PDB file of N, CA and C in Angstrom:
ATOM      1  N   MET A   1      40.706  36.585  90.610  1.00  0.00           N
ATOM      2  CA  MET A   1      41.249  37.055  91.868  1.00  0.00           C
ATOM      3  C   MET A   1      41.932  35.888  92.592  1.00  0.00           C
ATOM      4  N   ASN A   2      43.120  36.146  93.102  1.00  0.00           N
ATOM      5  CA  ASN A   2      43.886  35.113  93.786  1.00  0.00           C
ATOM      6  C   ASN A   2      43.512  35.124  95.267  1.00  0.00           C
ATOM      7  N   SER A   3      42.827  34.092  95.729  1.00  0.00           N
ATOM      8  CA  SER A   3      42.370  34.057  97.116  1.00  0.00           C
ATOM      9  C   SER A   3      43.460  33.576  98.074  1.00  0.00           C
ATOM     10  N   LYS A   4      44.591  33.101  97.556  1.00  0.00           N
ATOM     11  CA  LYS A   4      45.658  32.616  98.423  1.00  0.00           C
ATOM     12  C   LYS A   4      46.635  33.722  98.815  1.00  0.00           C
ATOM     13  N   ARG A   5      46.406  34.920  98.338  1.00  0.00           N
ATOM     14  CA  ARG A   5      47.277  36.041  98.705  1.00  0.00           C
ATOM     15  C   ARG A   5      47.071  36.397 100.164  1.00  0.00           C
ATOM     16  N   PRO A   6      48.138  36.652 100.871  1.00  0.00           N
ATOM     17  CA  PRO A   6      47.970  37.043 102.277  1.00  0.00           C
ATOM     18  C   PRO A   6      47.382  38.454 102.375  1.00  0.00           C
ATOM     19  N   VAL A   7      46.453  38.608 103.281  1.00  0.00           N
ATOM     20  CA  VAL A   7      45.830  39.906 103.481  1.00  0.00           C
ATOM     21  C   VAL A   7      46.620  40.699 104.526  1.00  0.00           C
ATOM     22  N   ASN A   8      46.956  40.052 105.606  1.00  0.00           N
ATOM     23  CA  ASN A   8      47.719  40.664 106.682  1.00  0.00           C
ATOM     24  C   ASN A   8      48.983  39.852 106.902  1.00  0.00           C
ATOM     25  N   LEU A   9      50.120  40.490 106.709  1.00  0.00           N
ATOM     26  CA  LEU A   9      51.377  39.780 106.948  1.00  0.00           C
ATOM     27  C   LEU A   9      51.815  40.019 108.382  1.00  0.00           C
ATOM     28  N   ASP A  10      52.002  38.958 109.116  1.00  0.00           N
ATOM     29  CA  ASP A  10      52.524  39.050 110.463  1.00  0.00           C
ATOM     30  C   ASP A  10      54.032  38.859 110.383  1.00  0.00           C
ATOM     31  N   LEU A  11      54.768  39.982 110.471  1.00  0.00           N
ATOM     32  CA  LEU A  11      56.220  39.923 110.306  1.00  0.00           C
ATOM     33  C   LEU A  11      56.892  39.139 111.426  1.00  0.00           C
ATOM     34  N   GLY A  12      56.203  38.941 112.534  1.00  0.00           N
ATOM     35  CA  GLY A  12      56.756  38.157 113.631  1.00  0.00           C
ATOM     36  C   GLY A  12      56.872  36.681 113.299  1.00  0.00           C
ATOM     37  N   LYS A  13      56.151  36.232 112.268  1.00  0.00           N
ATOM     38  CA  LYS A  13      56.205  34.813 111.892  1.00  0.00           C
ATOM     39  C   LYS A  13      57.377  34.481 110.981  1.00  0.00           C
ATOM     40  N   PHE A  14      57.988  35.494 110.394  1.00  0.00           N
ATOM     41  CA  PHE A  14      59.111  35.262 109.503  1.00  0.00           C
ATOM     42  C   PHE A  14      60.379  35.067 110.312  1.00  0.00           C
ATOM     43  N   HIS A  15      61.161  34.069 109.942  1.00  0.00           N
ATOM     44  CA  HIS A  15      62.444  33.804 110.594  1.00  0.00           C
ATOM     45  C   HIS A  15      63.520  33.806 109.517  1.00  0.00           C
ATOM     46  N   PHE A  16      64.359  34.843 109.554  1.00  0.00           N
ATOM     47  CA  PHE A  16      65.401  34.984 108.557  1.00  0.00           C
ATOM     48  C   PHE A  16      66.637  34.199 108.984  1.00  0.00           C
ATOM     49  N   PRO A  17      67.356  33.621 108.027  1.00  0.00           N
ATOM     50  CA  PRO A  17      68.619  32.955 108.358  1.00  0.00           C
ATOM     51  C   PRO A  17      69.677  34.001 108.735  1.00  0.00           C
ATOM     52  N   LEU A  18      70.688  33.568 109.461  1.00  0.00           N
ATOM     53  CA  LEU A  18      71.730  34.475 109.938  1.00  0.00           C
ATOM     54  C   LEU A  18      72.422  35.258 108.814  1.00  0.00           C
ATOM     55  N   PRO A  19      72.727  34.647 107.662  1.00  0.00           N
ATOM     56  CA  PRO A  19      73.330  35.457 106.589  1.00  0.00           C
ATOM     57  C   PRO A  19      72.426  36.605 106.130  1.00  0.00           C
ATOM     58  N   ALA A  20      71.119  36.390 106.127  1.00  0.00           N
ATOM     59  CA  ALA A  20      70.210  37.463 105.738  1.00  0.00           C
ATOM     60  C   ALA A  20      70.201  38.569 106.786  1.00  0.00           C
ATOM     61  N   ILE A  21      70.233  38.183 108.054  1.00  0.00           N
ATOM     62  CA  ILE A  21      70.240  39.174 109.130  1.00  0.00           C
ATOM     63  C   ILE A  21      71.520  39.999 109.083  1.00  0.00           C
ATOM     64  N   THR A  22      72.659  39.340 108.858  1.00  0.00           N
ATOM     65  CA  THR A  22      73.920  40.087 108.795  1.00  0.00           C
ATOM     66  C   THR A  22      73.936  41.027 107.590  1.00  0.00           C
ATOM     67  N   SER A  23      73.321  40.628 106.502  1.00  0.00           N
ATOM     68  CA  SER A  23      73.254  41.488 105.324  1.00  0.00           C
ATOM     69  C   SER A  23      72.373  42.711 105.589  1.00  0.00           C
ATOM     70  N   ILE A  24      71.247  42.510 106.241  1.00  0.00           N
ATOM     71  CA  ILE A  24      70.363  43.624 106.577  1.00  0.00           C
ATOM     72  C   ILE A  24      71.062  44.565 107.557  1.00  0.00           C
ATOM     73  N   LEU A  25      71.742  44.000 108.557  1.00  0.00           N
ATOM     74  CA  LEU A  25      72.472  44.827 109.521  1.00  0.00           C
ATOM     75  C   LEU A  25      73.608  45.605 108.855  1.00  0.00           C
ATOM     76  N   HIS A  26      74.201  45.029 107.815  1.00  0.00           N
ATOM     77  CA  HIS A  26      75.253  45.721 107.077  1.00  0.00           C
ATOM     78  C   HIS A  26      74.700  46.981 106.429  1.00  0.00           C
ATOM     79  N   ARG A  27      73.521  46.880 105.865  1.00  0.00           N
ATOM     80  CA  ARG A  27      72.897  48.053 105.239  1.00  0.00           C
ATOM     81  C   ARG A  27      72.495  49.087 106.285  1.00  0.00           C
ATOM     82  N   ILE A  28      71.936  48.630 107.395  1.00  0.00           N
ATOM     83  CA  ILE A  28      71.531  49.556 108.459  1.00  0.00           C
ATOM     84  C   ILE A  28      72.752  50.254 109.053  1.00  0.00           C
ATOM     85  N   SER A  29      73.828  49.502 109.256  1.00  0.00           N
ATOM     86  CA  SER A  29      75.041  50.111 109.814  1.00  0.00           C
ATOM     87  C   SER A  29      75.625  51.145 108.857  1.00  0.00           C
ATOM     88  N   GLY A  30      75.495  50.911 107.562  1.00  0.00           N
ATOM     89  CA  GLY A  30      75.955  51.897 106.581  1.00  0.00           C
ATOM     90  C   GLY A  30      75.186  53.207 106.685  1.00  0.00           C
ATOM     91  N   ILE A  31      73.885  53.117 106.916  1.00  0.00           N
ATOM     92  CA  ILE A  31      73.068  54.324 107.086  1.00  0.00           C
ATOM     93  C   ILE A  31      73.463  55.052 108.364  1.00  0.00           C
ATOM     94  N   ILE A  32      73.685  54.298 109.444  1.00  0.00           N
ATOM     95  CA  ILE A  32      74.077  54.905 110.717  1.00  0.00           C
ATOM     96  C   ILE A  32      75.424  55.616 110.573  1.00  0.00           C
ATOM     97  N   VAL A  33      76.363  54.989 109.891  1.00  0.00           N
ATOM     98  CA  VAL A  33      77.675  55.604 109.679  1.00  0.00           C
ATOM     99  C   VAL A  33      77.528  56.871 108.847  1.00  0.00           C
ATOM    100  N   PHE A  34      76.692  56.832 107.811  1.00  0.00           N
ATOM    101  CA  PHE A  34      76.493  58.001 106.950  1.00  0.00           C
ATOM    102  C   PHE A  34      75.943  59.176 107.746  1.00  0.00           C
ATOM    103  N   VAL A  35      74.937  58.924 108.580  1.00  0.00           N
ATOM    104  CA  VAL A  35      74.347  59.982 109.394  1.00  0.00           C
ATOM    105  C   VAL A  35      75.321  60.415 110.493  1.00  0.00           C
ATOM    106  N   GLY A  36      76.029  59.452 111.082  1.00  0.00           N
ATOM    107  CA  GLY A  36      76.971  59.759 112.152  1.00  0.00           C
ATOM    108  C   GLY A  36      78.127  60.626 111.699  1.00  0.00           C
ATOM    109  N   VAL A  37      78.533  60.482 110.455  1.00  0.00           N
ATOM    110  CA  VAL A  37      79.634  61.298 109.932  1.00  0.00           C
ATOM    111  C   VAL A  37      79.253  62.776 109.969  1.00  0.00           C
ATOM    112  N   ALA A  38      77.985  63.093 109.751  1.00  0.00           N
ATOM    113  CA  ALA A  38      77.543  64.488 109.808  1.00  0.00           C
ATOM    114  C   ALA A  38      77.779  65.065 111.202  1.00  0.00           C
ATOM    115  N   PHE A  39      77.439  64.302 112.242  1.00  0.00           N
ATOM    116  CA  PHE A  39      77.669  64.768 113.612  1.00  0.00           C
ATOM    117  C   PHE A  39      79.161  64.899 113.912  1.00  0.00           C
ATOM    118  N   LEU A  40      79.937  63.933 113.452  1.00  0.00           N
ATOM    119  CA  LEU A  40      81.374  63.976 113.700  1.00  0.00           C
ATOM    120  C   LEU A  40      82.028  65.152 112.973  1.00  0.00           C
ATOM    121  N   LEU A  41      81.588  65.426 111.751  1.00  0.00           N
ATOM    122  CA  LEU A  41      82.137  66.566 111.016  1.00  0.00           C
ATOM    123  C   LEU A  41      81.752  67.890 111.668  1.00  0.00           C
ATOM    124  N   TYR A  42      80.526  67.955 112.208  1.00  0.00           N
ATOM    125  CA  TYR A  42      80.115  69.162 112.923  1.00  0.00           C
ATOM    126  C   TYR A  42      81.004  69.370 114.148  1.00  0.00           C
ATOM    127  N   GLY A  43      81.253  68.306 114.903  1.00  0.00           N
ATOM    128  CA  GLY A  43      82.134  68.414 116.064  1.00  0.00           C
ATOM    129  C   GLY A  43      83.547  68.819 115.673  1.00  0.00           C
ATOM    130  N   LEU A  44      84.040  68.270 114.575  1.00  0.00           N
ATOM    131  CA  LEU A  44      85.372  68.636 114.095  1.00  0.00           C
ATOM    132  C   LEU A  44      85.418  70.109 113.706  1.00  0.00           C
ATOM    133  N   GLU A  45      84.405  70.547 112.979  1.00  0.00           N
ATOM    134  CA  GLU A  45      84.357  71.954 112.542  1.00  0.00           C
ATOM    135  C   GLU A  45      84.289  72.890 113.739  1.00  0.00           C
ATOM    136  N   LEU A  46      83.472  72.531 114.722  1.00  0.00           N
ATOM    137  CA  LEU A  46      83.348  73.354 115.923  1.00  0.00           C
ATOM    138  C   LEU A  46      84.656  73.392 116.705  1.00  0.00           C
ATOM    139  N   SER A  47      85.336  72.253 116.787  1.00  0.00           N
ATOM    140  CA  SER A  47      86.592  72.208 117.539  1.00  0.00           C
ATOM    141  C   SER A  47      87.710  72.989 116.855  1.00  0.00           C
ATOM    142  N   LEU A  48      87.606  73.177 115.556  1.00  0.00           N
ATOM    143  CA  LEU A  48      88.648  73.900 114.817  1.00  0.00           C
ATOM    144  C   LEU A  48      88.411  75.398 114.747  1.00  0.00           C
ATOM    145  N   THR A  49      87.297  75.890 115.314  1.00  0.00           N
ATOM    146  CA  THR A  49      87.024  77.335 115.269  1.00  0.00           C
ATOM    147  C   THR A  49      87.903  78.118 116.232  1.00  0.00           C
ATOM    148  N   GLY A  50      88.438  77.444 117.213  1.00  0.00           N
ATOM    149  CA  GLY A  50      89.302  78.135 118.173  1.00  0.00           C
ATOM    150  C   GLY A  50      89.313  77.386 119.487  1.00  0.00           C
ATOM    151  N   GLU A  51      89.972  77.996 120.461  1.00  0.00           N
ATOM    152  CA  GLU A  51      90.097  77.349 121.759  1.00  0.00           C
ATOM    153  C   GLU A  51      88.745  77.175 122.439  1.00  0.00           C
ATOM    154  N   SER A  52      87.875  78.172 122.315  1.00  0.00           N
ATOM    155  CA  SER A  52      86.558  78.075 122.955  1.00  0.00           C
ATOM    156  C   SER A  52      85.723  76.958 122.316  1.00  0.00           C
ATOM    157  N   GLY A  53      85.800  76.818 121.008  1.00  0.00           N
ATOM    158  CA  GLY A  53      85.080  75.748 120.327  1.00  0.00           C
ATOM    159  C   GLY A  53      85.621  74.378 120.706  1.00  0.00           C
ATOM    160  N   PHE A  54      86.936  74.291 120.815  1.00  0.00           N
ATOM    161  CA  PHE A  54      87.555  73.028 121.228  1.00  0.00           C
ATOM    162  C   PHE A  54      87.118  72.648 122.635  1.00  0.00           C
ATOM    163  N   ASN A  55      87.119  73.635 123.547  1.00  0.00           N
ATOM    164  CA  ASN A  55      86.695  73.368 124.924  1.00  0.00           C
ATOM    165  C   ASN A  55      85.219  72.972 124.980  1.00  0.00           C
ATOM    166  N   ARG A  56      84.418  73.583 124.134  1.00  0.00           N
ATOM    167  CA  ARG A  56      82.985  73.244 124.096  1.00  0.00           C
ATOM    168  C   ARG A  56      82.776  71.801 123.651  1.00  0.00           C
ATOM    169  N   VAL A  57      83.484  71.397 122.595  1.00  0.00           N
ATOM    170  CA  VAL A  57      83.377  70.016 122.108  1.00  0.00           C
ATOM    171  C   VAL A  57      83.915  69.053 123.162  1.00  0.00           C
ATOM    172  N   SER A  58      84.994  69.421 123.811  1.00  0.00           N
ATOM    173  CA  SER A  58      85.569  68.573 124.854  1.00  0.00           C
ATOM    174  C   SER A  58      84.584  68.365 126.000  1.00  0.00           C
ATOM    175  N   GLU A  59      83.877  69.412 126.401  1.00  0.00           N
ATOM    176  CA  GLU A  59      82.863  69.300 127.447  1.00  0.00           C
ATOM    177  C   GLU A  59      81.694  68.438 126.986  1.00  0.00           C
ATOM    178  N   LEU A  60      81.297  68.623 125.727  1.00  0.00           N
ATOM    179  CA  LEU A  60      80.186  67.832 125.184  1.00  0.00           C
ATOM    180  C   LEU A  60      80.517  66.346 125.186  1.00  0.00           C
ATOM    181  N   LEU A  61      81.735  66.030 124.830  1.00  0.00           N
ATOM    182  CA  LEU A  61      82.133  64.622 124.730  1.00  0.00           C
ATOM    183  C   LEU A  61      82.294  63.940 126.079  1.00  0.00           C
ATOM    184  N   ASP A  62      82.292  64.716 127.146  1.00  0.00           N
ATOM    185  CA  ASP A  62      82.369  64.130 128.486  1.00  0.00           C
ATOM    186  C   ASP A  62      81.014  63.649 128.992  1.00  0.00           C
ATOM    187  N   SER A  63      79.927  64.026 128.322  1.00  0.00           N
ATOM    188  CA  SER A  63      78.591  63.636 128.794  1.00  0.00           C
ATOM    189  C   SER A  63      78.299  62.177 128.437  1.00  0.00           C
ATOM    190  N   PHE A  64      77.399  61.590 129.203  1.00  0.00           N
ATOM    191  CA  PHE A  64      77.010  60.188 128.990  1.00  0.00           C
ATOM    192  C   PHE A  64      76.396  59.995 127.608  1.00  0.00           C
ATOM    193  N   LEU A  65      75.507  60.912 127.221  1.00  0.00           N
ATOM    194  CA  LEU A  65      74.817  60.788 125.934  1.00  0.00           C
ATOM    195  C   LEU A  65      75.805  60.863 124.767  1.00  0.00           C
ATOM    196  N   ALA A  66      76.773  61.765 124.860  1.00  0.00           N
ATOM    197  CA  ALA A  66      77.765  61.893 123.783  1.00  0.00           C
ATOM    198  C   ALA A  66      78.622  60.632 123.683  1.00  0.00           C
ATOM    199  N   LYS A  67      78.976  60.063 124.827  1.00  0.00           N
ATOM    200  CA  LYS A  67      79.761  58.824 124.798  1.00  0.00           C
ATOM    201  C   LYS A  67      78.941  57.685 124.210  1.00  0.00           C
ATOM    202  N   LEU A  68      77.656  57.651 124.536  1.00  0.00           N
ATOM    203  CA  LEU A  68      76.778  56.619 123.986  1.00  0.00           C
ATOM    204  C   LEU A  68      76.643  56.761 122.470  1.00  0.00           C
ATOM    205  N   ILE A  69      76.467  57.990 122.004  1.00  0.00           N
ATOM    206  CA  ILE A  69      76.357  58.231 120.559  1.00  0.00           C
ATOM    207  C   ILE A  69      77.669  57.891 119.864  1.00  0.00           C
ATOM    208  N   THR A  70      78.779  58.286 120.461  1.00  0.00           N
ATOM    209  CA  THR A  70      80.095  57.975 119.882  1.00  0.00           C
ATOM    210  C   THR A  70      80.297  56.471 119.787  1.00  0.00           C
ATOM    211  N   TRP A  71      79.942  55.766 120.853  1.00  0.00           N
ATOM    212  CA  TRP A  71      80.069  54.306 120.845  1.00  0.00           C
ATOM    213  C   TRP A  71      79.147  53.696 119.800  1.00  0.00           C
ATOM    214  N   GLY A  72      77.942  54.245 119.649  1.00  0.00           N
ATOM    215  CA  GLY A  72      77.017  53.742 118.632  1.00  0.00           C
ATOM    216  C   GLY A  72      77.560  53.917 117.220  1.00  0.00           C
ATOM    217  N   ILE A  73      78.129  55.084 116.957  1.00  0.00           N
ATOM    218  CA  ILE A  73      78.700  55.337 115.624  1.00  0.00           C
ATOM    219  C   ILE A  73      79.902  54.425 115.384  1.00  0.00           C
ATOM    220  N   LEU A  74      80.751  54.292 116.393  1.00  0.00           N
ATOM    221  CA  LEU A  74      81.903  53.386 116.262  1.00  0.00           C
ATOM    222  C   LEU A  74      81.462  51.933 116.070  1.00  0.00           C
ATOM    223  N   SER A  75      80.416  51.540 116.788  1.00  0.00           N
ATOM    224  CA  SER A  75      79.905  50.177 116.657  1.00  0.00           C
ATOM    225  C   SER A  75      79.402  49.925 115.239  1.00  0.00           C
ATOM    226  N   ALA A  76      78.649  50.883 114.709  1.00  0.00           N
ATOM    227  CA  ALA A  76      78.146  50.740 113.340  1.00  0.00           C
ATOM    228  C   ALA A  76      79.303  50.690 112.348  1.00  0.00           C
ATOM    229  N   LEU A  77      80.298  51.531 112.567  1.00  0.00           N
ATOM    230  CA  LEU A  77      81.456  51.551 111.673  1.00  0.00           C
ATOM    231  C   LEU A  77      82.215  50.228 111.713  1.00  0.00           C
ATOM    232  N   LEU A  78      82.422  49.696 112.915  1.00  0.00           N
ATOM    233  CA  LEU A  78      83.153  48.437 113.035  1.00  0.00           C
ATOM    234  C   LEU A  78      82.378  47.279 112.427  1.00  0.00           C
ATOM    235  N   TYR A  79      81.069  47.215 112.680  1.00  0.00           N
ATOM    236  CA  TYR A  79      80.272  46.144 112.087  1.00  0.00           C
ATOM    237  C   TYR A  79      80.284  46.270 110.559  1.00  0.00           C
ATOM    238  N   HIS A  80      80.131  47.504 110.071  1.00  0.00           N
ATOM    239  CA  HIS A  80      80.109  47.720 108.624  1.00  0.00           C
ATOM    240  C   HIS A  80      81.438  47.311 107.996  1.00  0.00           C
ATOM    241  N   LEU A  81      82.528  47.582 108.696  1.00  0.00           N
ATOM    242  CA  LEU A  81      83.849  47.190 108.205  1.00  0.00           C
ATOM    243  C   LEU A  81      83.989  45.675 108.133  1.00  0.00           C
ATOM    244  N   VAL A  82      83.618  44.988 109.200  1.00  0.00           N
ATOM    245  CA  VAL A  82      83.758  43.524 109.233  1.00  0.00           C
ATOM    246  C   VAL A  82      82.843  42.882 108.183  1.00  0.00           C
ATOM    247  N   ALA A  83      81.594  43.336 108.106  1.00  0.00           N
ATOM    248  CA  ALA A  83      80.673  42.774 107.113  1.00  0.00           C
ATOM    249  C   ALA A  83      81.117  43.123 105.693  1.00  0.00           C
ATOM    250  N   GLY A  84      81.714  44.288 105.524  1.00  0.00           N
ATOM    251  CA  GLY A  84      82.227  44.675 104.206  1.00  0.00           C
ATOM    252  C   GLY A  84      83.369  43.784 103.764  1.00  0.00           C
ATOM    253  N   ILE A  85      84.244  43.428 104.702  1.00  0.00           N
ATOM    254  CA  ILE A  85      85.340  42.500 104.381  1.00  0.00           C
ATOM    255  C   ILE A  85      84.765  41.142 103.980  1.00  0.00           C
ATOM    256  N   LYS A  86      83.721  40.714 104.701  1.00  0.00           N
ATOM    257  CA  LYS A  86      83.076  39.440 104.344  1.00  0.00           C
ATOM    258  C   LYS A  86      82.519  39.508 102.921  1.00  0.00           C
ATOM    259  N   HIS A  87      81.889  40.629 102.583  1.00  0.00           N
ATOM    260  CA  HIS A  87      81.334  40.784 101.233  1.00  0.00           C
ATOM    261  C   HIS A  87      82.437  40.834 100.174  1.00  0.00           C
ATOM    262  N   LEU A  88      83.557  41.472 100.499  1.00  0.00           N
ATOM    263  CA  LEU A  88      84.674  41.492  99.551  1.00  0.00           C
ATOM    264  C   LEU A  88      85.213  40.087  99.308  1.00  0.00           C
ATOM    265  N   LEU A  89      85.316  39.297 100.376  1.00  0.00           N
ATOM    266  CA  LEU A  89      85.774  37.910 100.211  1.00  0.00           C
ATOM    267  C   LEU A  89      84.783  37.111  99.365  1.00  0.00           C
ATOM    268  N   MET A  90      83.494  37.353  99.584  1.00  0.00           N
ATOM    269  CA  MET A  90      82.486  36.651  98.781  1.00  0.00           C
ATOM    270  C   MET A  90      82.559  37.080  97.313  1.00  0.00           C
ATOM    271  N   ASP A  91      82.883  38.358  97.066  1.00  0.00           N
ATOM    272  CA  ASP A  91      83.048  38.823  95.680  1.00  0.00           C
ATOM    273  C   ASP A  91      84.220  38.132  94.991  1.00  0.00           C
ATOM    274  N   MET A  92      85.193  37.689  95.790  1.00  0.00           N
ATOM    275  CA  MET A  92      86.346  36.965  95.229  1.00  0.00           C
ATOM    276  C   MET A  92      86.074  35.468  95.131  1.00  0.00           C
ATOM    277  N   GLY A  93      84.868  35.041  95.496  1.00  0.00           N
ATOM    278  CA  GLY A  93      84.501  33.638  95.379  1.00  0.00           C
ATOM    279  C   GLY A  93      84.736  32.831  96.639  1.00  0.00           C
ATOM    280  N   ILE A  94      85.100  33.480  97.722  1.00  0.00           N
ATOM    281  CA  ILE A  94      85.361  32.786  98.981  1.00  0.00           C
ATOM    282  C   ILE A  94      84.107  32.856  99.846  1.00  0.00           C
ATOM    283  N   GLY A  95      83.597  31.723 100.244  1.00  0.00           N
ATOM    284  CA  GLY A  95      82.456  31.696 101.151  1.00  0.00           C
ATOM    285  C   GLY A  95      81.109  31.887 100.490  1.00  0.00           C
ATOM    286  N   GLU A  96      80.992  31.495  99.238  1.00  0.00           N
ATOM    287  CA  GLU A  96      79.718  31.653  98.535  1.00  0.00           C
ATOM    288  C   GLU A  96      78.765  30.479  98.745  1.00  0.00           C
ATOM    289  N   GLU A  97      79.280  29.357  99.181  1.00  0.00           N
ATOM    290  CA  GLU A  97      78.436  28.185  99.372  1.00  0.00           C
ATOM    291  C   GLU A  97      77.573  28.379 100.621  1.00  0.00           C
ATOM    292  N   LEU A  98      76.532  27.572 100.734  1.00  0.00           N
ATOM    293  CA  LEU A  98      75.579  27.718 101.828  1.00  0.00           C
ATOM    294  C   LEU A  98      76.245  27.553 103.191  1.00  0.00           C
ATOM    295  N   GLN A  99      76.996  26.492 103.377  1.00  0.00           N
ATOM    296  CA  GLN A  99      77.619  26.239 104.672  1.00  0.00           C
ATOM    297  C   GLN A  99      78.681  27.282 105.013  1.00  0.00           C
ATOM    298  N   SER A 100      79.517  27.619 104.043  1.00  0.00           N
ATOM    299  CA  SER A 100      80.552  28.617 104.320  1.00  0.00           C
ATOM    300  C   SER A 100      79.949  30.005 104.487  1.00  0.00           C
ATOM    301  N   GLY A 101      78.812  30.254 103.853  1.00  0.00           N
ATOM    302  CA  GLY A 101      78.107  31.526 104.052  1.00  0.00           C
ATOM    303  C   GLY A 101      77.585  31.654 105.467  1.00  0.00           C
ATOM    304  N   ARG A 102      77.057  30.549 105.986  1.00  0.00           N
ATOM    305  CA  ARG A 102      76.589  30.552 107.381  1.00  0.00           C
ATOM    306  C   ARG A 102      77.761  30.741 108.342  1.00  0.00           C
ATOM    307  N   ALA A 103      78.861  30.057 108.064  1.00  0.00           N
ATOM    308  CA  ALA A 103      80.046  30.199 108.923  1.00  0.00           C
ATOM    309  C   ALA A 103      80.583  31.627 108.862  1.00  0.00           C
ATOM    310  N   ALA A 104      80.611  32.211 107.675  1.00  0.00           N
ATOM    311  CA  ALA A 104      81.094  33.588 107.532  1.00  0.00           C
ATOM    312  C   ALA A 104      80.190  34.558 108.278  1.00  0.00           C
ATOM    313  N   ALA A 105      78.890  34.306 108.278  1.00  0.00           N
ATOM    314  CA  ALA A 105      77.966  35.164 109.018  1.00  0.00           C
ATOM    315  C   ALA A 105      78.220  35.063 110.517  1.00  0.00           C
ATOM    316  N   LYS A 106      78.474  33.851 110.999  1.00  0.00           N
ATOM    317  CA  LYS A 106      78.769  33.666 112.429  1.00  0.00           C
ATOM    318  C   LYS A 106      80.081  34.357 112.800  1.00  0.00           C
ATOM    319  N   ILE A 107      81.086  34.208 111.949  1.00  0.00           N
ATOM    320  CA  ILE A 107      82.374  34.861 112.198  1.00  0.00           C
ATOM    321  C   ILE A 107      82.204  36.382 112.202  1.00  0.00           C
ATOM    322  N   THR A 108      81.389  36.894 111.288  1.00  0.00           N
ATOM    323  CA  THR A 108      81.126  38.327 111.227  1.00  0.00           C
ATOM    324  C   THR A 108      80.526  38.832 112.530  1.00  0.00           C
ATOM    325  N   VAL A 109      79.559  38.099 113.054  1.00  0.00           N
ATOM    326  CA  VAL A 109      78.909  38.512 114.301  1.00  0.00           C
ATOM    327  C   VAL A 109      79.891  38.452 115.465  1.00  0.00           C
ATOM    328  N   VAL A 110      80.644  37.368 115.573  1.00  0.00           N
ATOM    329  CA  VAL A 110      81.574  37.195 116.702  1.00  0.00           C
ATOM    330  C   VAL A 110      82.665  38.261 116.674  1.00  0.00           C
ATOM    331  N   VAL A 111      83.293  38.460 115.522  1.00  0.00           N
ATOM    332  CA  VAL A 111      84.361  39.451 115.416  1.00  0.00           C
ATOM    333  C   VAL A 111      83.807  40.853 115.682  1.00  0.00           C
ATOM    334  N   SER A 112      82.625  41.137 115.161  1.00  0.00           N
ATOM    335  CA  SER A 112      82.019  42.454 115.374  1.00  0.00           C
ATOM    336  C   SER A 112      81.713  42.699 116.844  1.00  0.00           C
ATOM    337  N   VAL A 113      81.170  41.712 117.526  1.00  0.00           N
ATOM    338  CA  VAL A 113      80.854  41.865 118.949  1.00  0.00           C
ATOM    339  C   VAL A 113      82.126  42.125 119.748  1.00  0.00           C
ATOM    340  N   ILE A 114      83.187  41.399 119.443  1.00  0.00           N
ATOM    341  CA  ILE A 114      84.455  41.608 120.151  1.00  0.00           C
ATOM    342  C   ILE A 114      84.968  43.028 119.915  1.00  0.00           C
ATOM    343  N   LEU A 115      84.965  43.471 118.655  1.00  0.00           N
ATOM    344  CA  LEU A 115      85.455  44.816 118.345  1.00  0.00           C
ATOM    345  C   LEU A 115      84.562  45.895 118.959  1.00  0.00           C
ATOM    346  N   ILE A 116      83.257  45.669 118.974  1.00  0.00           N
ATOM    347  CA  ILE A 116      82.334  46.645 119.553  1.00  0.00           C
ATOM    348  C   ILE A 116      82.545  46.753 121.066  1.00  0.00           C
ATOM    349  N   LEU A 117      82.768  45.627 121.722  1.00  0.00           N
ATOM    350  CA  LEU A 117      83.049  45.665 123.158  1.00  0.00           C
ATOM    351  C   LEU A 117      84.365  46.386 123.443  1.00  0.00           C
ATOM    352  N   LEU A 118      85.372  46.126 122.630  1.00  0.00           N
ATOM    353  CA  LEU A 118      86.648  46.830 122.791  1.00  0.00           C
ATOM    354  C   LEU A 118      86.481  48.329 122.558  1.00  0.00           C
ATOM    355  N   ALA A 119      85.670  48.702 121.599  1.00  0.00           N
ATOM    356  CA  ALA A 119      85.399  50.123 121.350  1.00  0.00           C
ATOM    357  C   ALA A 119      84.679  50.737 122.528  1.00  0.00           C
ATOM    358  N   GLY A 120      83.779  49.988 123.147  1.00  0.00           N
ATOM    359  CA  GLY A 120      83.077  50.475 124.330  1.00  0.00           C
ATOM    360  C   GLY A 120      84.015  50.726 125.481  1.00  0.00           C
ATOM    361  N   VAL A 121      84.986  49.840 125.669  1.00  0.00           N
ATOM    362  CA  VAL A 121      85.995  50.038 126.718  1.00  0.00           C
ATOM    363  C   VAL A 121      86.820  51.280 126.411  1.00  0.00           C
ATOM    364  N   TRP A 122      87.154  51.494 125.156  1.00  0.00           N
ATOM    365  CA  TRP A 122      87.953  52.637 124.755  1.00  0.00           C
ATOM    366  C   TRP A 122      87.195  53.950 124.942  1.00  0.00           C
ATOM    367  N   VAL A 123      85.893  53.967 124.591  1.00  0.00           N
ATOM    368  CA  VAL A 123      85.096  55.192 124.697  1.00  0.00           C
ATOM    369  C   VAL A 123      84.834  55.549 126.154  1.00  0.00           C
ATOM    370  N   TRP A 124      84.529  54.553 126.987  1.00  0.00           N
ATOM    371  CA  TRP A 124      84.165  54.845 128.374  1.00  0.00           C
ATOM    372  C   TRP A 124      85.405  54.998 129.198  1.00  0.00           C
TER     373      TRP A 124
END
C-alpha cells in the first residue's frame, strides 16, 4: 500500500499556469457555445414562424436577462475564436516554446477581454 497517496485533495492549493487556464477556458467556452446555439436556433425558428413570433422574440430580447444571456454566448464565442486561432498558430509551430506560449496566453486573454467588452457595448 502506498502511504504517500493523497487522501483528500484540496483543489484550492493547486495553481495552474496561465496557458493551462486559457486551455481549460477554451474547452468551457466551446461547451457554452454549443449549448447557446440551441437557444439561438430556437429564437430564430420562433422568429420565422410569422409576425407574431418575430414580435415575441423581439420583446424577449429587450429584457435584461436575455441581453445578459446573449452577451454571455457572444463572450464565449469570441473567447473560443481567439483561443482557437492561438491553437491553430501553435499547430503550425508558432508559439510552442514555454515563453512564447505564456505570451500567447496573455495575448489571448487581452484580446478576448477587449472583444468581450466591445460585444457588451453592442448588446446593451
